[in-house]
Protein backbone atom coordinates (compact mmCIF):
# COMPACT_ATOMS: atom_id res chain seq x y z
CA UNK A 1 -0.01 -0.01 0.15
CA UNK A 2 1.17 3.59 -0.52
CA UNK A 3 1.85 5.61 2.50
CA UNK A 4 -1.00 8.17 3.06
CA UNK A 5 -0.52 11.05 5.28
CA UNK A 6 -3.48 13.55 5.32
CA UNK A 7 -3.89 17.25 6.09
CA UNK A 8 -1.65 18.46 8.71
CA UNK A 9 -1.26 21.21 11.22
CA UNK A 10 1.86 22.64 13.29
CA UNK A 11 2.83 22.36 17.01
CA UNK A 12 6.43 21.09 17.66
CA UNK A 13 7.21 17.75 19.34
CA UNK A 14 10.85 17.71 20.69
CA UNK A 15 10.97 14.38 21.99
CA UNK A 16 9.34 11.16 23.35
CA UNK A 17 9.37 10.48 27.03
CA UNK A 18 9.03 6.97 28.80
CA UNK A 19 7.59 6.97 32.05
CA UNK A 20 6.20 4.02 33.95
CA UNK A 21 6.58 1.94 31.01
CA UNK A 22 4.60 4.20 28.60
CA UNK A 23 6.06 6.36 25.91
CA UNK A 24 4.60 9.82 25.69
CA UNK A 25 5.11 13.06 23.50
CA UNK A 26 6.86 16.30 24.86
CA UNK A 27 6.20 19.49 23.00
CA UNK A 28 8.78 22.45 23.02
CA UNK A 29 6.59 23.97 25.82
CA UNK A 30 7.39 21.20 27.85
CA UNK A 31 3.83 19.77 27.90
CA UNK A 32 3.59 16.00 28.30
CA UNK A 33 0.89 14.72 25.78
CA UNK A 34 -1.25 11.80 26.96
CA UNK A 35 -3.73 9.88 24.81
CA UNK A 36 -6.14 12.49 22.84
CA UNK A 37 -4.05 15.41 24.06
CA UNK A 38 -2.07 16.31 20.90
CA UNK A 39 -2.60 19.99 20.67
CA UNK A 40 -4.49 21.29 17.57
CA UNK A 41 -2.69 24.00 15.50
CA UNK A 42 -0.27 23.87 12.59
CA UNK A 43 2.19 20.92 12.05
CA UNK A 44 4.01 19.38 14.91
CA UNK A 45 7.50 19.13 13.68
CA UNK A 46 10.34 17.07 15.21
CA UNK A 47 13.03 18.84 13.35
CA UNK A 48 12.19 21.72 11.08
CA UNK A 49 14.83 22.19 8.52
CA UNK A 50 13.46 24.61 6.00
CA UNK A 51 10.08 25.97 4.98
CA UNK A 52 8.83 28.67 2.33
CA UNK A 53 6.72 29.30 -0.79
CA UNK A 54 7.66 27.18 -3.94
CA UNK A 55 5.86 27.01 -7.21
CA UNK A 56 5.22 23.37 -8.12
CA UNK A 57 4.15 21.91 -11.43
CA UNK A 58 1.21 19.66 -11.36
CA UNK A 59 0.71 16.13 -12.71
CA UNK A 60 2.58 12.99 -12.08
CA UNK A 61 4.90 13.69 -14.97
CA UNK A 62 5.04 17.60 -14.32
CA UNK A 63 2.93 18.20 -17.58
CA UNK A 64 0.32 20.39 -15.95
CA UNK A 65 0.30 24.04 -14.77
CA UNK A 66 2.15 25.85 -11.86
CA UNK A 67 0.69 26.39 -8.62
CA UNK A 68 2.02 28.05 -5.53
CA UNK A 69 2.59 25.98 -2.59
CA UNK A 70 3.86 26.24 1.04
CA UNK A 71 6.80 23.62 1.36
CA UNK A 72 8.09 22.10 4.47
CA UNK A 73 11.15 19.96 4.99
CA UNK A 74 10.92 18.55 8.52
CA UNK A 75 13.27 15.63 9.71
CA UNK A 76 13.01 13.15 6.66
CA UNK A 77 9.94 14.22 5.15
CA UNK A 78 9.06 17.01 2.50
CA UNK A 79 5.60 18.21 2.47
CA UNK A 80 3.74 20.85 0.74
CA UNK A 81 0.34 22.59 1.54
CA UNK A 82 -2.00 24.86 -0.49
CA UNK A 83 -1.17 27.72 2.04
CA UNK A 84 0.96 28.49 4.91
CA UNK A 85 -2.04 28.69 7.35
CA UNK A 86 -3.93 26.07 5.54
CA UNK A 87 -4.10 22.54 6.85
CA UNK A 88 -4.92 21.00 3.59
CA UNK A 89 -1.81 18.76 2.66
CA UNK A 90 -1.33 18.72 -1.02
CA UNK A 91 1.60 16.05 -0.97
CA UNK A 92 4.23 14.29 1.01
CA UNK A 93 7.69 12.94 -0.12
CA UNK A 94 9.68 10.71 2.16
CA UNK A 95 13.50 10.96 2.25
CA UNK A 96 14.17 7.35 1.48
CA UNK A 97 12.39 7.65 -1.87
CA UNK A 98 14.49 10.46 -3.08
CA UNK A 99 17.19 9.43 -5.53
CA UNK A 100 18.56 13.10 -6.45
CA UNK A 101 17.81 16.80 -6.06
CA UNK A 102 19.12 19.06 -8.82
CA UNK A 103 18.63 22.05 -10.96
CA UNK A 104 16.45 21.60 -13.94
CA UNK A 105 17.77 24.10 -16.61
CA UNK A 106 15.72 22.73 -19.32
CA UNK A 107 12.46 23.44 -17.39
CA UNK A 108 13.90 26.84 -16.36
CA UNK A 109 14.37 27.96 -20.08
CA UNK A 110 10.73 27.16 -20.96
CA UNK A 111 9.60 30.49 -19.13
CA UNK A 112 12.49 32.23 -17.53
CA UNK A 113 10.60 35.23 -16.70
CA UNK A 114 8.09 33.58 -14.34
CA UNK A 115 9.71 30.21 -13.52
CA UNK A 116 13.35 30.65 -14.21
CA UNK A 117 14.70 29.02 -10.88
CA UNK A 118 13.61 25.44 -11.22
CA UNK A 119 14.86 22.37 -9.40
CA UNK A 120 13.36 18.89 -9.25
CA UNK A 121 13.21 16.03 -6.62
CA UNK A 122 13.68 12.64 -8.48
CA UNK A 123 12.16 9.76 -6.71
CA UNK A 124 11.58 6.13 -7.51
CA UNK A 125 8.09 6.76 -8.59
CA UNK A 126 8.00 10.25 -10.20
CA UNK A 127 9.69 13.68 -10.28
CA UNK A 128 8.49 16.71 -8.38
CA UNK A 129 9.22 19.96 -10.42
CA UNK A 130 9.63 23.14 -8.20
CA UNK A 131 10.55 26.80 -8.85
CA UNK A 132 11.93 29.17 -6.34
CA UNK A 133 11.57 33.06 -6.43
CA UNK A 134 15.35 33.52 -6.84
CA UNK A 135 18.29 31.58 -7.86
CA UNK A 136 19.69 31.92 -4.36
CA UNK A 137 16.51 30.35 -2.76
CA UNK A 138 16.69 27.71 -5.38
CA UNK A 139 20.36 26.89 -4.43
CA UNK A 140 19.54 26.90 -0.84
CA UNK A 141 16.77 24.25 -1.23
CA UNK A 142 18.80 22.15 -3.45
CA UNK A 143 21.97 22.43 -0.87
CA UNK A 144 19.72 21.55 2.13
CA UNK A 145 18.27 18.63 0.29
CA UNK A 146 21.86 17.37 -0.45
CA UNK A 147 22.79 17.65 3.04
CA UNK A 148 19.82 15.80 4.37
CA UNK A 149 20.53 12.81 1.68
CA UNK A 150 24.15 12.87 2.79
CA UNK A 151 23.09 12.30 6.45
CA UNK A 152 21.97 8.75 5.59
CA UNK A 153 23.89 8.16 2.36
CA UNK A 154 27.52 8.30 3.46
CA UNK A 155 29.95 8.18 0.64
CA UNK A 156 30.97 4.63 -0.11
CA UNK A 157 28.44 3.10 2.29
CA UNK A 158 25.23 1.37 1.28
CA UNK A 159 22.41 2.86 3.42
CA UNK A 160 20.47 0.42 5.53
CA UNK A 161 16.77 0.04 4.20
CA UNK A 162 14.21 1.71 6.21
CA UNK A 163 10.57 0.96 6.34
CA UNK A 164 7.93 3.61 7.11
CA UNK A 165 4.40 3.12 8.57
CA UNK A 166 1.82 5.99 9.38
CA UNK A 167 -0.66 5.56 12.02
CA UNK A 168 -3.86 7.99 12.05
CA UNK A 169 -5.40 7.98 15.44
CA UNK A 170 -8.99 8.97 15.28
CA UNK A 171 -9.99 10.03 18.74
CA UNK A 172 -12.87 7.76 20.24
CA UNK A 173 -13.20 5.98 16.78
CA UNK A 174 -10.23 3.91 15.92
CA UNK A 175 -6.87 3.88 14.20
CA UNK A 176 -5.62 3.49 10.42
CA UNK A 177 -2.31 1.84 9.79
CA UNK A 178 -0.60 2.09 6.36
CA UNK A 179 2.63 0.37 6.00
CA UNK A 180 4.27 -2.99 6.11
CA UNK A 181 3.94 -4.21 9.78
CA UNK A 182 4.23 -7.61 11.09
CA UNK A 183 1.41 -10.06 11.84
CA UNK A 184 2.56 -10.06 15.51
CA UNK A 185 2.27 -6.18 15.67
CA UNK A 186 -1.29 -6.35 14.23
CA UNK A 187 -2.36 -8.84 16.74
CA UNK A 188 -1.10 -6.46 19.50
CA UNK A 189 -3.19 -3.59 18.03
CA UNK A 190 -6.41 -5.73 17.49
CA UNK A 191 -6.39 -6.98 21.21
CA UNK A 192 -9.74 -8.73 21.56
CA UNK A 193 -12.50 -8.70 18.96
CA UNK A 194 -12.26 -5.61 16.77
CA UNK A 195 -13.80 -4.90 13.54
CA UNK A 196 -11.24 -4.10 10.69
CA UNK A 197 -11.45 -2.55 7.16
CA UNK A 198 -8.67 -2.57 4.53
CA UNK A 199 -8.63 -0.19 1.44
CA UNK A 200 -6.17 1.70 -0.64
CA UNK A 201 -5.76 4.14 2.54
CA UNK A 202 -4.64 1.51 4.96
CA UNK A 203 -5.79 -0.98 7.42
CA UNK A 204 -8.32 0.42 9.57
CA UNK A 205 -9.18 -1.03 13.23
CA UNK A 206 -12.35 0.04 15.12
CA UNK A 207 -10.67 0.16 18.40
CA UNK A 208 -9.99 3.70 19.97
CA UNK A 209 -6.64 3.02 21.17
CA UNK A 210 -4.83 5.61 23.29
CA UNK A 211 -1.67 7.40 21.66
CA UNK A 212 0.34 5.74 24.40
CA UNK A 213 -0.65 2.23 23.63
CA UNK A 214 -0.01 2.75 19.97
CA UNK A 215 3.50 4.05 20.78
CA UNK A 216 4.23 1.19 23.05
CA UNK A 217 3.06 -1.45 20.77
CA UNK A 218 5.18 -0.20 17.88
CA UNK A 219 8.17 0.44 20.06
CA UNK A 220 8.10 -3.21 21.41
CA UNK A 221 8.32 -4.42 17.55
CA UNK A 222 11.35 -2.37 16.93
CA UNK A 223 9.66 0.80 15.51
CA UNK A 224 10.78 4.32 16.23
CA UNK A 225 8.62 7.38 16.25
CA UNK A 226 10.01 9.80 13.82
CA UNK A 227 7.41 12.35 13.32
CA UNK A 228 3.74 13.44 14.33
CA UNK A 229 1.20 15.48 12.62
CA UNK A 230 -2.23 16.84 13.40
CA UNK A 231 -4.48 15.87 10.36
CA UNK A 232 -8.09 15.75 9.01
CA UNK A 233 -8.97 12.54 7.48
CA UNK A 234 -12.03 10.36 6.55
CA UNK A 235 -12.33 7.10 8.48
CA UNK A 236 -14.52 4.32 7.08
CA UNK A 237 -18.19 4.96 7.42
CA UNK A 238 -17.80 8.62 7.72
CA UNK A 239 -18.55 11.02 4.88
CA UNK A 240 -16.78 14.07 6.12
CA UNK A 241 -13.38 14.76 7.34
CA UNK A 242 -12.67 14.38 11.15
CA UNK A 243 -9.68 15.29 13.38
CA UNK A 244 -6.98 12.66 13.79
CA UNK A 245 -3.32 12.51 14.89
CA UNK A 246 -0.89 11.09 12.31
CA UNK A 247 2.17 9.16 13.84
CA UNK A 248 5.01 8.27 11.43
CA UNK A 249 7.27 5.32 12.46
CA UNK A 250 10.41 4.05 10.84
CA UNK A 251 12.03 0.43 11.19
CA UNK A 252 15.41 -0.63 10.01
CA UNK A 253 15.07 -3.83 7.79
């Protein structure tokens, strides 16, 4: 299944904290977040590296028109939104999927007046074509991406494969898991008799698990919490978007 991270908001989480066998989240304000207490606002960032406005060319092959997007590079994740105060997430690129980031001189020449500072993010599945407002800003984005890639792709060293899984926690409803998790972990999340649904968005469990339970279950199976967002998404059987907290986990394979 493809990873699916929905619309996000912003409040920083600096660390996780283990107390009495439970792993909790701590914000930069020092607040301890128990189940159902992730604050609502803009995206909760572990490690905000870069953010700003970029033009993005639409379409899987970059053949559609340009649209302005608010872009955020945080930790190992690049996300773009429809606006800097808009929770509507337009797309996500995970670092382990990026093969290269470079200037796109050919694209820049097509309309050098309006879109003359183009660079592209080359991934396994598609290319993301982006334009900065100046050459300096384009170079800054490219440099930051290169530094990010270098942190887990040292010269001459083959990077250890990393698996990703996202968990959307719908308060008082259930959770939706998207990613390749073990049968044992699924069993721990299911607990007793629980209804489940599977579709292209993930594996949904009608069991309103607390955040700490989800964190502890994943931690016991070797997963590490790498990012967290507030999101709006549509669980099965619901026709409108409802609040959810999205937790992103990594696992070395």
